[in-house]
Amino acid sequence: MDDSLARQLSGLVDQISTIIVGKRPQIEDCVACLLAAGHLLIEDVPGVGKTTLAHALAVSLGLKFSRVQFTADLMPSDLVGVSVFERSREAFVFHPGPVFAQVLLADEINRAGPKTQSALLEAMEEHQVSVDSETRPLPTPFFVIATQNPSDQLGTYPLPESQLDRFLLRITLGYPDRAAERALLAGEDRRELTARLQPLMSPASLLAAQRAVQAVSASPALLDYLQALIAATRSGRWFVQGLSPRAGIALLRVARARALMARRDYVAPDDVQAIIAQAIAHRLQSVAGAGRGSVEQVRAMVEATPIP
């Protein structure tokens, strides 16, 4: 692995850790997700730093950032843009919406209705939007970082399975420990600190890092282990339905990103185990009545699956 890339990635995690205190493992997961060219879902109660984390990621990566507050009355045109007739030109002119950014923060995504969710789904999957029968490409790279409130809170809609499947990782931040919370109470406002951050990578260097992820090797034995885990999800013992082939490919991609961050050019079982709960729990429905996204059920399955 290129030492300069390793230093960049380490510095990236270090810088964001000065904003989101005491959450380094979650920050590493976020960086791995973006290195694997995936979309990120952050689910937690309000006020624990979800939006701040997304903004710090975008600034540190030198990417154009846009934020949309999702509400029940948010329309697709509010997201993708609209064509307006301009008398001076005697023609309709397209005014792009906030989705035309390199990092789109979809804040409280589960408060929007189905039509808006459908418009976002096309952007996430195809990296394009359709407006007035015309397809318009989105910038490169393009990431969606979505925040979600717990489904038992008022005014929330459960995300459809098809959209949950488009998120490479789902993470939670949780409350800070006592030392981290003291640092937050005694320190500066996080928004002011975020505004002073300097980009540590450029879009071009990020794309180069994504190509380096693709070059990380996975041995036949590692693929055997990955297939054993996928087969376990489909056995009916743990989950109602198992992982799709797309989900298996996504899991391998983010495991490659974790290996790259660990300065290795090959994937180890530890890389898969470190990321599997965040990569698959939101895609699966537990047979034990624990609902969708049971991290504990995923971990129990991993413990019961031997490494070949």
C-alpha atoms as a PDB file:
ATOM      1  CA  MET A   1       0.000   0.000   0.000  1.00  0.00           C
ATOM      2  CA  ASP A   2       1.146   3.521  -0.841  1.00  0.00           C
ATOM      3  CA  ASP A   3       2.446   5.136   2.374  1.00  0.00           C
ATOM      4  CA  SER A   4       1.112   8.550   1.372  1.00  0.00           C
ATOM      5  CA  LEU A   5      -2.401   7.125   1.001  1.00  0.00           C
ATOM      6  CA  ALA A   6      -2.094   5.388   4.364  1.00  0.00           C
ATOM      7  CA  ARG A   7      -1.096   8.673   5.996  1.00  0.00           C
ATOM      8  CA  GLN A   8      -3.966  10.492   4.318  1.00  0.00           C
ATOM      9  CA  LEU A   9      -6.537   7.988   5.556  1.00  0.00           C
ATOM     10  CA  SER A  10      -5.126   7.956   9.069  1.00  0.00           C
ATOM     11  CA  GLY A  11      -5.066  11.756   9.140  1.00  0.00           C
ATOM     12  CA  LEU A  12      -8.633  11.834   7.869  1.00  0.00           C
ATOM     13  CA  VAL A  13      -9.865   9.700  10.764  1.00  0.00           C
ATOM     14  CA  ASP A  14      -7.776  11.725  13.233  1.00  0.00           C
ATOM     15  CA  GLN A  15      -9.224  15.032  12.037  1.00  0.00           C
ATOM     16  CA  ILE A  16     -12.853  13.921  12.180  1.00  0.00           C
ATOM     17  CA  SER A  17     -12.189  12.465  15.644  1.00  0.00           C
ATOM     18  CA  THR A  18     -11.466  15.996  16.879  1.00  0.00           C
ATOM     19  CA  ILE A  19     -15.065  16.893  15.994  1.00  0.00           C
ATOM     20  CA  ILE A  20     -16.901  13.674  16.909  1.00  0.00           C
ATOM     21  CA  VAL A  21     -15.159  12.825  20.162  1.00  0.00           C
ATOM     22  CA  GLY A  22     -14.840   9.259  21.429  1.00  0.00           C
ATOM     23  CA  LYS A  23     -16.321   7.610  18.324  1.00  0.00           C
ATOM     24  CA  ARG A  24     -13.244   6.509  16.365  1.00  0.00           C
ATOM     25  CA  PRO A  25     -14.588   3.021  15.419  1.00  0.00           C
ATOM     26  CA  GLN A  26     -17.716   4.584  13.910  1.00  0.00           C
ATOM     27  CA  ILE A  27     -15.625   7.176  12.056  1.00  0.00           C
ATOM     28  CA  GLU A  28     -13.460   4.405  10.613  1.00  0.00           C
ATOM     29  CA  ASP A  29     -16.623   2.650   9.425  1.00  0.00           C
ATOM     30  CA  CYS A  30     -17.775   5.862   7.725  1.00  0.00           C
ATOM     31  CA  VAL A  31     -14.462   6.323   5.913  1.00  0.00           C
ATOM     32  CA  ALA A  32     -14.467   2.657   4.834  1.00  0.00           C
ATOM     33  CA  CYS A  33     -17.981   3.108   3.446  1.00  0.00           C
ATOM     34  CA  LEU A  34     -16.969   6.078   1.307  1.00  0.00           C
ATOM     35  CA  LEU A  35     -13.771   4.339   0.159  1.00  0.00           C
ATOM     36  CA  ALA A  36     -15.986   1.465  -0.985  1.00  0.00           C
ATOM     37  CA  ALA A  37     -18.130   3.966  -2.943  1.00  0.00           C
ATOM     38  CA  GLY A  38     -21.188   3.217  -0.832  1.00  0.00           C
ATOM     39  CA  HIS A  39     -23.975   5.202   0.766  1.00  0.00           C
ATOM     40  CA  LEU A  40     -24.152   5.535   4.538  1.00  0.00           C
ATOM     41  CA  LEU A  41     -27.130   5.420   6.922  1.00  0.00           C
ATOM     42  CA  ILE A  42     -26.648   6.810  10.432  1.00  0.00           C
ATOM     43  CA  GLU A  43     -29.482   5.845  12.765  1.00  0.00           C
ATOM     44  CA  ASP A  44     -29.779   7.276  16.261  1.00  0.00           C
ATOM     45  CA  VAL A  45     -31.723   9.605  18.518  1.00  0.00           C
ATOM     46  CA  PRO A  46     -31.529  13.341  17.776  1.00  0.00           C
ATOM     47  CA  GLY A  47     -28.590  15.326  19.115  1.00  0.00           C
ATOM     48  CA  VAL A  48     -25.733  12.812  19.157  1.00  0.00           C
ATOM     49  CA  GLY A  49     -23.777  14.293  16.227  1.00  0.00           C
ATOM     50  CA  LYS A  50     -25.142  12.575  13.109  1.00  0.00           C
ATOM     51  CA  THR A  51     -25.366  15.738  11.007  1.00  0.00           C
ATOM     52  CA  THR A  52     -22.052  17.082  12.297  1.00  0.00           C
ATOM     53  CA  LEU A  53     -20.315  13.825  11.360  1.00  0.00           C
ATOM     54  CA  ALA A  54     -21.664  13.974   7.803  1.00  0.00           C
ATOM     55  CA  HIS A  55     -20.554  17.595   7.392  1.00  0.00           C
ATOM     56  CA  ALA A  56     -17.085  16.879   8.818  1.00  0.00           C
ATOM     57  CA  LEU A  57     -16.654  13.972   6.392  1.00  0.00           C
ATOM     58  CA  ALA A  58     -17.541  16.117   3.392  1.00  0.00           C
ATOM     59  CA  VAL A  59     -15.268  18.990   4.407  1.00  0.00           C
ATOM     60  CA  SER A  60     -12.327  16.707   5.200  1.00  0.00           C
ATOM     61  CA  LEU A  61     -12.659  15.014   1.819  1.00  0.00           C
ATOM     62  CA  GLY A  62     -12.853  18.299  -0.065  1.00  0.00           C
ATOM     63  CA  LEU A  63     -16.252  17.503  -1.536  1.00  0.00           C
ATOM     64  CA  LYS A  64     -19.172  19.757  -2.432  1.00  0.00           C
ATOM     65  CA  PHE A  65     -21.711  19.373   0.361  1.00  0.00           C
ATOM     66  CA  SER A  66     -25.468  19.814   0.340  1.00  0.00           C
ATOM     67  CA  ARG A  67     -28.029  19.221   3.062  1.00  0.00           C
ATOM     68  CA  VAL A  68     -31.761  18.537   2.754  1.00  0.00           C
ATOM     69  CA  GLN A  69     -34.077  18.401   5.744  1.00  0.00           C
ATOM     70  CA  PHE A  70     -36.544  15.646   4.917  1.00  0.00           C
ATOM     71  CA  THR A  71     -40.136  16.355   5.960  1.00  0.00           C
ATOM     72  CA  ALA A  72     -43.525  14.807   5.226  1.00  0.00           C
ATOM     73  CA  ASP A  73     -44.313  17.506   2.621  1.00  0.00           C
ATOM     74  CA  LEU A  74     -40.938  17.394   0.816  1.00  0.00           C
ATOM     75  CA  MET A  75     -41.581  16.930  -2.909  1.00  0.00           C
ATOM     76  CA  PRO A  76     -39.278  15.203  -5.437  1.00  0.00           C
ATOM     77  CA  SER A  77     -38.757  18.550  -7.195  1.00  0.00           C
ATOM     78  CA  ASP A  78     -37.452  20.006  -3.916  1.00  0.00           C
ATOM     79  CA  LEU A  79     -34.709  17.390  -4.099  1.00  0.00           C
ATOM     80  CA  VAL A  80     -33.821  17.004  -7.786  1.00  0.00           C
ATOM     81  CA  GLY A  81     -34.727  20.442  -9.142  1.00  0.00           C
ATOM     82  CA  VAL A  82     -37.329  21.942 -11.442  1.00  0.00           C
ATOM     83  CA  SER A  83     -37.617  23.516 -14.890  1.00  0.00           C
ATOM     84  CA  VAL A  84     -38.868  27.113 -14.847  1.00  0.00           C
ATOM     85  CA  PHE A  85     -39.957  29.136 -17.874  1.00  0.00           C
ATOM     86  CA  GLU A  86     -37.730  32.188 -18.287  1.00  0.00           C
ATOM     87  CA  ARG A  87     -39.320  34.890 -20.396  1.00  0.00           C
ATOM     88  CA  SER A  88     -35.961  36.425 -21.357  1.00  0.00           C
ATOM     89  CA  ARG A  89     -34.884  33.165 -22.984  1.00  0.00           C
ATOM     90  CA  GLU A  90     -38.390  32.131 -24.056  1.00  0.00           C
ATOM     91  CA  ALA A  91     -37.596  28.625 -22.865  1.00  0.00           C
ATOM     92  CA  PHE A  92     -37.735  26.376 -19.831  1.00  0.00           C
ATOM     93  CA  VAL A  93     -34.486  26.419 -17.862  1.00  0.00           C
ATOM     94  CA  PHE A  94     -33.575  23.658 -15.423  1.00  0.00           C
ATOM     95  CA  HIS A  95     -32.640  24.747 -11.906  1.00  0.00           C
ATOM     96  CA  PRO A  96     -30.783  21.880 -10.230  1.00  0.00           C
ATOM     97  CA  GLY A  97     -31.783  20.840  -6.724  1.00  0.00           C
ATOM     98  CA  PRO A  98     -29.561  20.000  -3.779  1.00  0.00           C
ATOM     99  CA  VAL A  99     -29.046  16.431  -5.000  1.00  0.00           C
ATOM    100  CA  PHE A 100     -26.470  17.829  -7.462  1.00  0.00           C
ATOM    101  CA  ALA A 101     -23.672  17.676  -4.918  1.00  0.00           C
ATOM    102  CA  GLN A 102     -20.860  15.232  -4.214  1.00  0.00           C
ATOM    103  CA  VAL A 103     -22.097  14.571  -0.680  1.00  0.00           C
ATOM    104  CA  LEU A 104     -25.829  14.819  -0.063  1.00  0.00           C
ATOM    105  CA  LEU A 105     -26.879  14.804   3.578  1.00  0.00           C
ATOM    106  CA  ALA A 106     -30.447  13.493   3.711  1.00  0.00           C
ATOM    107  CA  ASP A 107     -31.342  14.583   7.234  1.00  0.00           C
ATOM    108  CA  GLU A 108     -34.091  12.575   8.966  1.00  0.00           C
ATOM    109  CA  ILE A 109     -34.663  10.603   5.780  1.00  0.00           C
ATOM    110  CA  ASN A 110     -37.502   8.531   7.226  1.00  0.00           C
ATOM    111  CA  ARG A 111     -39.755  11.583   7.584  1.00  0.00           C
ATOM    112  CA  ALA A 112     -40.312  11.896   3.805  1.00  0.00           C
ATOM    113  CA  GLY A 113     -43.068  10.270   1.785  1.00  0.00           C
ATOM    114  CA  PRO A 114     -42.793   7.487  -0.844  1.00  0.00           C
ATOM    115  CA  LYS A 115     -42.538   9.767  -3.927  1.00  0.00           C
ATOM    116  CA  THR A 116     -39.529  11.605  -2.561  1.00  0.00           C
ATOM    117  CA  GLN A 117     -37.961   8.339  -1.429  1.00  0.00           C
ATOM    118  CA  SER A 118     -38.347   7.022  -4.984  1.00  0.00           C
ATOM    119  CA  ALA A 119     -36.566  10.052  -6.441  1.00  0.00           C
ATOM    120  CA  LEU A 120     -33.702   9.588  -3.989  1.00  0.00           C
ATOM    121  CA  LEU A 121     -33.527   5.874  -4.787  1.00  0.00           C
ATOM    122  CA  GLU A 122     -32.802   6.575  -8.464  1.00  0.00           C
ATOM    123  CA  ALA A 123     -30.023   8.984  -7.489  1.00  0.00           C
ATOM    124  CA  MET A 124     -28.466   6.460  -5.104  1.00  0.00           C
ATOM    125  CA  GLU A 125     -28.581   3.524  -7.491  1.00  0.00           C
ATOM    126  CA  GLU A 126     -28.018   5.116 -10.899  1.00  0.00           C
ATOM    127  CA  HIS A 127     -26.099   8.309  -9.951  1.00  0.00           C
ATOM    128  CA  GLN A 128     -28.567  10.209 -12.092  1.00  0.00           C
ATOM    129  CA  VAL A 129     -31.997  11.818 -11.874  1.00  0.00           C
ATOM    130  CA  SER A 130     -34.866  12.010 -14.354  1.00  0.00           C
ATOM    131  CA  VAL A 131     -36.556  15.394 -14.741  1.00  0.00           C
ATOM    132  CA  ASP A 132     -39.024  16.297 -17.510  1.00  0.00           C
ATOM    133  CA  SER A 133     -38.249  13.060 -19.376  1.00  0.00           C
ATOM    134  CA  GLU A 134     -34.551  13.930 -19.432  1.00  0.00           C
ATOM    135  CA  THR A 135     -31.821  12.056 -17.579  1.00  0.00           C
ATOM    136  CA  ARG A 136     -29.236  14.197 -15.845  1.00  0.00           C
ATOM    137  CA  PRO A 137     -26.005  12.723 -14.415  1.00  0.00           C
ATOM    138  CA  LEU A 138     -24.904  13.562 -10.890  1.00  0.00           C
ATOM    139  CA  PRO A 139     -21.386  14.709  -9.930  1.00  0.00           C
ATOM    140  CA  THR A 140     -18.572  12.237  -9.361  1.00  0.00           C
ATOM    141  CA  PRO A 141     -18.026  11.029  -6.723  1.00  0.00           C
ATOM    142  CA  PHE A 142     -21.564  11.003  -5.331  1.00  0.00           C
ATOM    143  CA  PHE A 143     -22.472   9.859  -1.829  1.00  0.00           C
ATOM    144  CA  VAL A 144     -25.662   9.938   0.173  1.00  0.00           C
ATOM    145  CA  ILE A 145     -25.192  10.170   3.922  1.00  0.00           C
ATOM    146  CA  ALA A 146     -28.623   9.780   5.475  1.00  0.00           C
ATOM    147  CA  THR A 147     -29.628  10.227   9.091  1.00  0.00           C
ATOM    148  CA  GLN A 148     -32.600   8.398  10.501  1.00  0.00           C
ATOM    149  CA  ASN A 149     -34.515   8.683  13.746  1.00  0.00           C
ATOM    150  CA  PRO A 150     -35.699   5.527  15.523  1.00  0.00           C
ATOM    151  CA  SER A 151     -38.909   4.228  13.917  1.00  0.00           C
ATOM    152  CA  ASP A 152     -40.874   4.530  17.163  1.00  0.00           C
ATOM    153  CA  GLN A 153     -40.581   8.336  17.107  1.00  0.00           C
ATOM    154  CA  LEU A 154     -43.549  10.412  15.930  1.00  0.00           C
ATOM    155  CA  GLY A 155     -43.736  11.398  12.261  1.00  0.00           C
ATOM    156  CA  THR A 156     -41.441   8.707  10.875  1.00  0.00           C
ATOM    157  CA  TYR A 157     -42.046   6.268   8.012  1.00  0.00           C
ATOM    158  CA  PRO A 158     -40.200   2.959   7.752  1.00  0.00           C
ATOM    159  CA  LEU A 159     -37.812   2.926   4.800  1.00  0.00           C
ATOM    160  CA  PRO A 160     -38.710   0.305   2.172  1.00  0.00           C
ATOM    161  CA  GLU A 161     -36.455  -2.747   1.915  1.00  0.00           C
ATOM    162  CA  SER A 162     -35.337  -1.738  -1.584  1.00  0.00           C
ATOM    163  CA  GLN A 163     -33.970   1.534  -0.266  1.00  0.00           C
ATOM    164  CA  LEU A 164     -32.374   0.047   2.843  1.00  0.00           C
ATOM    165  CA  ASP A 165     -30.532  -2.352   0.526  1.00  0.00           C
ATOM    166  CA  ARG A 166     -28.911   0.610  -1.268  1.00  0.00           C
ATOM    167  CA  PHE A 167     -27.110   1.693   1.888  1.00  0.00           C
ATOM    168  CA  LEU A 168     -23.767  -0.041   2.141  1.00  0.00           C
ATOM    169  CA  LEU A 169     -23.514   0.494   5.912  1.00  0.00           C
ATOM    170  CA  ARG A 170     -25.801   1.422   8.748  1.00  0.00           C
ATOM    171  CA  ILE A 171     -24.147   2.681  11.914  1.00  0.00           C
ATOM    172  CA  THR A 172     -25.244   4.150  15.232  1.00  0.00           C
ATOM    173  CA  LEU A 173     -23.255   6.656  17.278  1.00  0.00           C
ATOM    174  CA  GLY A 174     -24.814   6.255  20.716  1.00  0.00           C
ATOM    175  CA  TYR A 175     -24.274   8.515  23.677  1.00  0.00           C
ATOM    176  CA  PRO A 176     -20.690   9.628  24.408  1.00  0.00           C
ATOM    177  CA  ASP A 177     -18.837   8.226  27.394  1.00  0.00           C
ATOM    178  CA  ARG A 178     -18.200  10.481  30.385  1.00  0.00           C
ATOM    179  CA  ALA A 179     -14.774  11.713  29.230  1.00  0.00           C
ATOM    180  CA  ALA A 180     -15.980  12.472  25.691  1.00  0.00           C
ATOM    181  CA  GLU A 181     -19.049  14.280  26.957  1.00  0.00           C
ATOM    182  CA  ARG A 182     -16.903  16.391  29.280  1.00  0.00           C
ATOM    183  CA  ALA A 183     -14.748  17.368  26.304  1.00  0.00           C
ATOM    184  CA  LEU A 184     -17.904  18.385  24.421  1.00  0.00           C
ATOM    185  CA  LEU A 185     -19.202  20.437  27.351  1.00  0.00           C
ATOM    186  CA  ALA A 186     -15.886  22.187  27.950  1.00  0.00           C
ATOM    187  CA  GLY A 187     -14.886  22.665  24.319  1.00  0.00           C
ATOM    188  CA  GLU A 188     -15.890  24.910  21.444  1.00  0.00           C
ATOM    189  CA  ASP A 189     -19.090  24.617  19.463  1.00  0.00           C
ATOM    190  CA  ARG A 190     -18.779  21.702  17.018  1.00  0.00           C
ATOM    191  CA  ARG A 191     -20.160  23.722  14.119  1.00  0.00           C
ATOM    192  CA  GLU A 192     -17.468  26.361  14.546  1.00  0.00           C
ATOM    193  CA  LEU A 193     -14.786  23.684  14.703  1.00  0.00           C
ATOM    194  CA  THR A 194     -16.175  22.015  11.577  1.00  0.00           C
ATOM    195  CA  ALA A 195     -16.121  25.333   9.716  1.00  0.00           C
ATOM    196  CA  ARG A 196     -12.373  25.583  10.378  1.00  0.00           C
ATOM    197  CA  LEU A 197     -11.517  22.117   9.090  1.00  0.00           C
ATOM    198  CA  GLN A 198      -9.195  21.860   6.106  1.00  0.00           C
ATOM    199  CA  PRO A 199      -9.622  19.316   3.293  1.00  0.00           C
ATOM    200  CA  LEU A 200      -7.134  16.460   3.648  1.00  0.00           C
ATOM    201  CA  MET A 201      -8.014  14.776   0.356  1.00  0.00           C
ATOM    202  CA  SER A 202      -9.185  15.965  -3.037  1.00  0.00           C
ATOM    203  CA  PRO A 203     -11.898  14.333  -5.153  1.00  0.00           C
ATOM    204  CA  ALA A 204      -9.146  12.993  -7.427  1.00  0.00           C
ATOM    205  CA  SER A 205      -7.240  11.406  -4.527  1.00  0.00           C
ATOM    206  CA  LEU A 206     -10.476   9.912  -3.203  1.00  0.00           C
ATOM    207  CA  LEU A 207     -11.166   8.304  -6.569  1.00  0.00           C
ATOM    208  CA  ALA A 208      -7.594   6.958  -6.566  1.00  0.00           C
ATOM    209  CA  ALA A 209      -8.200   5.484  -3.098  1.00  0.00           C
ATOM    210  CA  GLN A 210     -11.375   3.817  -4.370  1.00  0.00           C
ATOM    211  CA  ARG A 211      -9.380   2.236  -7.191  1.00  0.00           C
ATOM    212  CA  ALA A 212      -6.850   1.020  -4.604  1.00  0.00           C
ATOM    213  CA  VAL A 213      -9.716  -0.652  -2.711  1.00  0.00           C
ATOM    214  CA  GLN A 214     -10.664  -2.586  -5.824  1.00  0.00           C
ATOM    215  CA  ALA A 215      -7.069  -3.843  -6.104  1.00  0.00           C
ATOM    216  CA  VAL A 216      -7.094  -5.413  -2.611  1.00  0.00           C
ATOM    217  CA  SER A 217      -7.012  -9.200  -3.091  1.00  0.00           C
ATOM    218  CA  ALA A 218      -9.400 -11.742  -1.594  1.00  0.00           C
ATOM    219  CA  SER A 219      -8.041 -15.312  -1.451  1.00  0.00           C
ATOM    220  CA  PRO A 220     -10.150 -18.377  -2.304  1.00  0.00           C
ATOM    221  CA  ALA A 221     -10.202 -19.279   1.407  1.00  0.00           C
ATOM    222  CA  LEU A 222     -11.552 -15.834   2.278  1.00  0.00           C
ATOM    223  CA  LEU A 223     -14.242 -16.169  -0.390  1.00  0.00           C
ATOM    224  CA  ASP A 224     -15.146 -19.572   1.085  1.00  0.00           C
ATOM    225  CA  TYR A 225     -15.639 -17.893   4.467  1.00  0.00           C
ATOM    226  CA  LEU A 226     -17.715 -15.110   2.935  1.00  0.00           C
ATOM    227  CA  GLN A 227     -19.924 -17.641   1.147  1.00  0.00           C
ATOM    228  CA  ALA A 228     -20.357 -19.605   4.365  1.00  0.00           C
ATOM    229  CA  LEU A 229     -21.640 -16.458   6.083  1.00  0.00           C
ATOM    230  CA  ILE A 230     -23.985 -15.669   3.187  1.00  0.00           C
ATOM    231  CA  ALA A 231     -25.287 -19.240   3.242  1.00  0.00           C
ATOM    232  CA  ALA A 232     -25.886 -18.944   6.994  1.00  0.00           C
ATOM    233  CA  THR A 233     -28.150 -15.945   6.437  1.00  0.00           C
ATOM    234  CA  ARG A 234     -30.186 -18.046   3.984  1.00  0.00           C
ATOM    235  CA  SER A 235     -30.450 -21.149   6.171  1.00  0.00           C
ATOM    236  CA  GLY A 236     -33.651 -20.046   7.889  1.00  0.00           C
ATOM    237  CA  ARG A 237     -32.079 -20.423  11.321  1.00  0.00           C
ATOM    238  CA  TRP A 238     -31.290 -16.773  11.868  1.00  0.00           C
ATOM    239  CA  PHE A 239     -33.225 -14.668   9.369  1.00  0.00           C
ATOM    240  CA  VAL A 240     -36.496 -14.781   7.444  1.00  0.00           C
ATOM    241  CA  GLN A 241     -34.724 -14.140   4.134  1.00  0.00           C
ATOM    242  CA  GLY A 242     -31.017 -14.261   3.396  1.00  0.00           C
ATOM    243  CA  LEU A 243     -28.620 -11.884   1.731  1.00  0.00           C
ATOM    244  CA  SER A 244     -28.867 -11.206  -1.984  1.00  0.00           C
ATOM    245  CA  PRO A 245     -25.825 -11.578  -4.261  1.00  0.00           C
ATOM    246  CA  ARG A 246     -25.640  -7.762  -4.415  1.00  0.00           C
ATOM    247  CA  ALA A 247     -25.388  -7.608  -0.628  1.00  0.00           C
ATOM    248  CA  GLY A 248     -22.603 -10.211  -0.649  1.00  0.00           C
ATOM    249  CA  ILE A 249     -20.646  -8.189  -3.204  1.00  0.00           C
ATOM    250  CA  ALA A 250     -21.153  -5.056  -1.098  1.00  0.00           C
ATOM    251  CA  LEU A 251     -19.873  -6.827   2.016  1.00  0.00           C
ATOM    252  CA  LEU A 252     -16.704  -7.891   0.209  1.00  0.00           C
ATOM    253  CA  ARG A 253     -16.180  -4.378  -1.138  1.00  0.00           C
ATOM    254  CA  VAL A 254     -16.298  -2.739   2.290  1.00  0.00           C
ATOM    255  CA  ALA A 255     -14.116  -5.514   3.777  1.00  0.00           C
ATOM    256  CA  ARG A 256     -11.530  -4.598   1.116  1.00  0.00           C
ATOM    257  CA  ALA A 257     -11.762  -0.975   2.251  1.00  0.00           C
ATOM    258  CA  ARG A 258     -11.157  -2.011   5.873  1.00  0.00           C
ATOM    259  CA  ALA A 259      -8.101  -3.996   4.789  1.00  0.00           C
ATOM    260  CA  LEU A 260      -6.746  -0.978   2.901  1.00  0.00           C
ATOM    261  CA  MET A 261      -7.181   1.202   5.985  1.00  0.00           C
ATOM    262  CA  ALA A 262      -5.268  -1.438   7.977  1.00  0.00           C
ATOM    263  CA  ARG A 263      -2.386  -1.065   5.437  1.00  0.00           C
ATOM    264  CA  ARG A 264      -2.851  -4.518   3.917  1.00  0.00           C
ATOM    265  CA  ASP A 265      -3.252  -5.523   0.293  1.00  0.00           C
ATOM    266  CA  TYR A 266      -5.373  -8.583   1.127  1.00  0.00           C
ATOM    267  CA  VAL A 267      -8.639  -9.190   2.995  1.00  0.00           C
ATOM    268  CA  ALA A 268      -8.497 -11.137   6.270  1.00  0.00           C
ATOM    269  CA  PRO A 269     -11.428 -12.743   8.126  1.00  0.00           C
ATOM    270  CA  ASP A 270     -11.025 -10.021  10.773  1.00  0.00           C
ATOM    271  CA  ASP A 271     -11.945  -7.411   8.146  1.00  0.00           C
ATOM    272  CA  VAL A 272     -15.189  -9.221   7.379  1.00  0.00           C
ATOM    273  CA  GLN A 273     -16.035  -9.738  11.043  1.00  0.00           C
ATOM    274  CA  ALA A 274     -15.327  -6.098  11.897  1.00  0.00           C
ATOM    275  CA  ILE A 275     -17.807  -4.750   9.351  1.00  0.00           C
ATOM    276  CA  ILE A 276     -20.421  -7.454   8.783  1.00  0.00           C
ATOM    277  CA  ALA A 277     -22.980  -6.302  11.364  1.00  0.00           C
ATOM    278  CA  GLN A 278     -22.926  -2.744  10.011  1.00  0.00           C
ATOM    279  CA  ALA A 279     -23.160  -4.038   6.419  1.00  0.00           C
ATOM    280  CA  ILE A 280     -25.956  -6.595   6.645  1.00  0.00           C
ATOM    281  CA  ALA A 281     -28.095  -6.129   9.781  1.00  0.00           C
ATOM    282  CA  HIS A 282     -30.336  -3.494   8.171  1.00  0.00           C
ATOM    283  CA  ARG A 283     -30.980  -5.822   5.226  1.00  0.00           C
ATOM    284  CA  LEU A 284     -32.250  -8.755   7.299  1.00  0.00           C
ATOM    285  CA  GLN A 285     -35.363  -9.643   9.308  1.00  0.00           C
ATOM    286  CA  SER A 286     -34.678 -11.770  12.375  1.00  0.00           C
ATOM    287  CA  VAL A 287     -36.643 -15.005  12.896  1.00  0.00           C
ATOM    288  CA  ALA A 288     -36.363 -14.516  16.669  1.00  0.00           C
ATOM    289  CA  GLY A 289     -38.760 -11.588  16.681  1.00  0.00           C
ATOM    290  CA  ALA A 290     -35.985  -9.044  17.177  1.00  0.00           C
ATOM    291  CA  GLY A 291     -37.131  -7.140  14.079  1.00  0.00           C
ATOM    292  CA  ARG A 292     -35.098  -5.758  11.202  1.00  0.00           C
ATOM    293  CA  GLY A 293     -31.536  -4.775  11.855  1.00  0.00           C
ATOM    294  CA  SER A 294     -30.707  -7.015  14.805  1.00  0.00           C
ATOM    295  CA  VAL A 295     -26.959  -6.592  15.300  1.00  0.00           C
ATOM    296  CA  GLU A 296     -26.970  -9.165  18.102  1.00  0.00           C
ATOM    297  CA  GLN A 297     -28.458 -11.789  15.774  1.00  0.00           C
ATOM    298  CA  VAL A 298     -25.776 -11.119  13.161  1.00  0.00           C
ATOM    299  CA  ARG A 299     -23.011 -11.456  15.744  1.00  0.00           C
ATOM    300  CA  ALA A 300     -24.477 -14.721  17.023  1.00  0.00           C
ATOM    301  CA  MET A 301     -24.518 -16.054  13.450  1.00  0.00           C
ATOM    302  CA  VAL A 302     -20.880 -15.019  12.909  1.00  0.00           C
ATOM    303  CA  GLU A 303     -19.815 -16.773  16.123  1.00  0.00           C
ATOM    304  CA  ALA A 304     -21.596 -19.953  15.010  1.00  0.00           C
ATOM    305  CA  THR A 305     -19.965 -19.940  11.547  1.00  0.00           C
ATOM    306  CA  PRO A 306     -16.471 -21.483  11.564  1.00  0.00           C
ATOM    307  CA  ILE A 307     -13.666 -19.992   9.525  1.00  0.00           C
ATOM    308  CA  PRO A 308     -12.770 -22.531   6.755  1.00  0.00           C
END
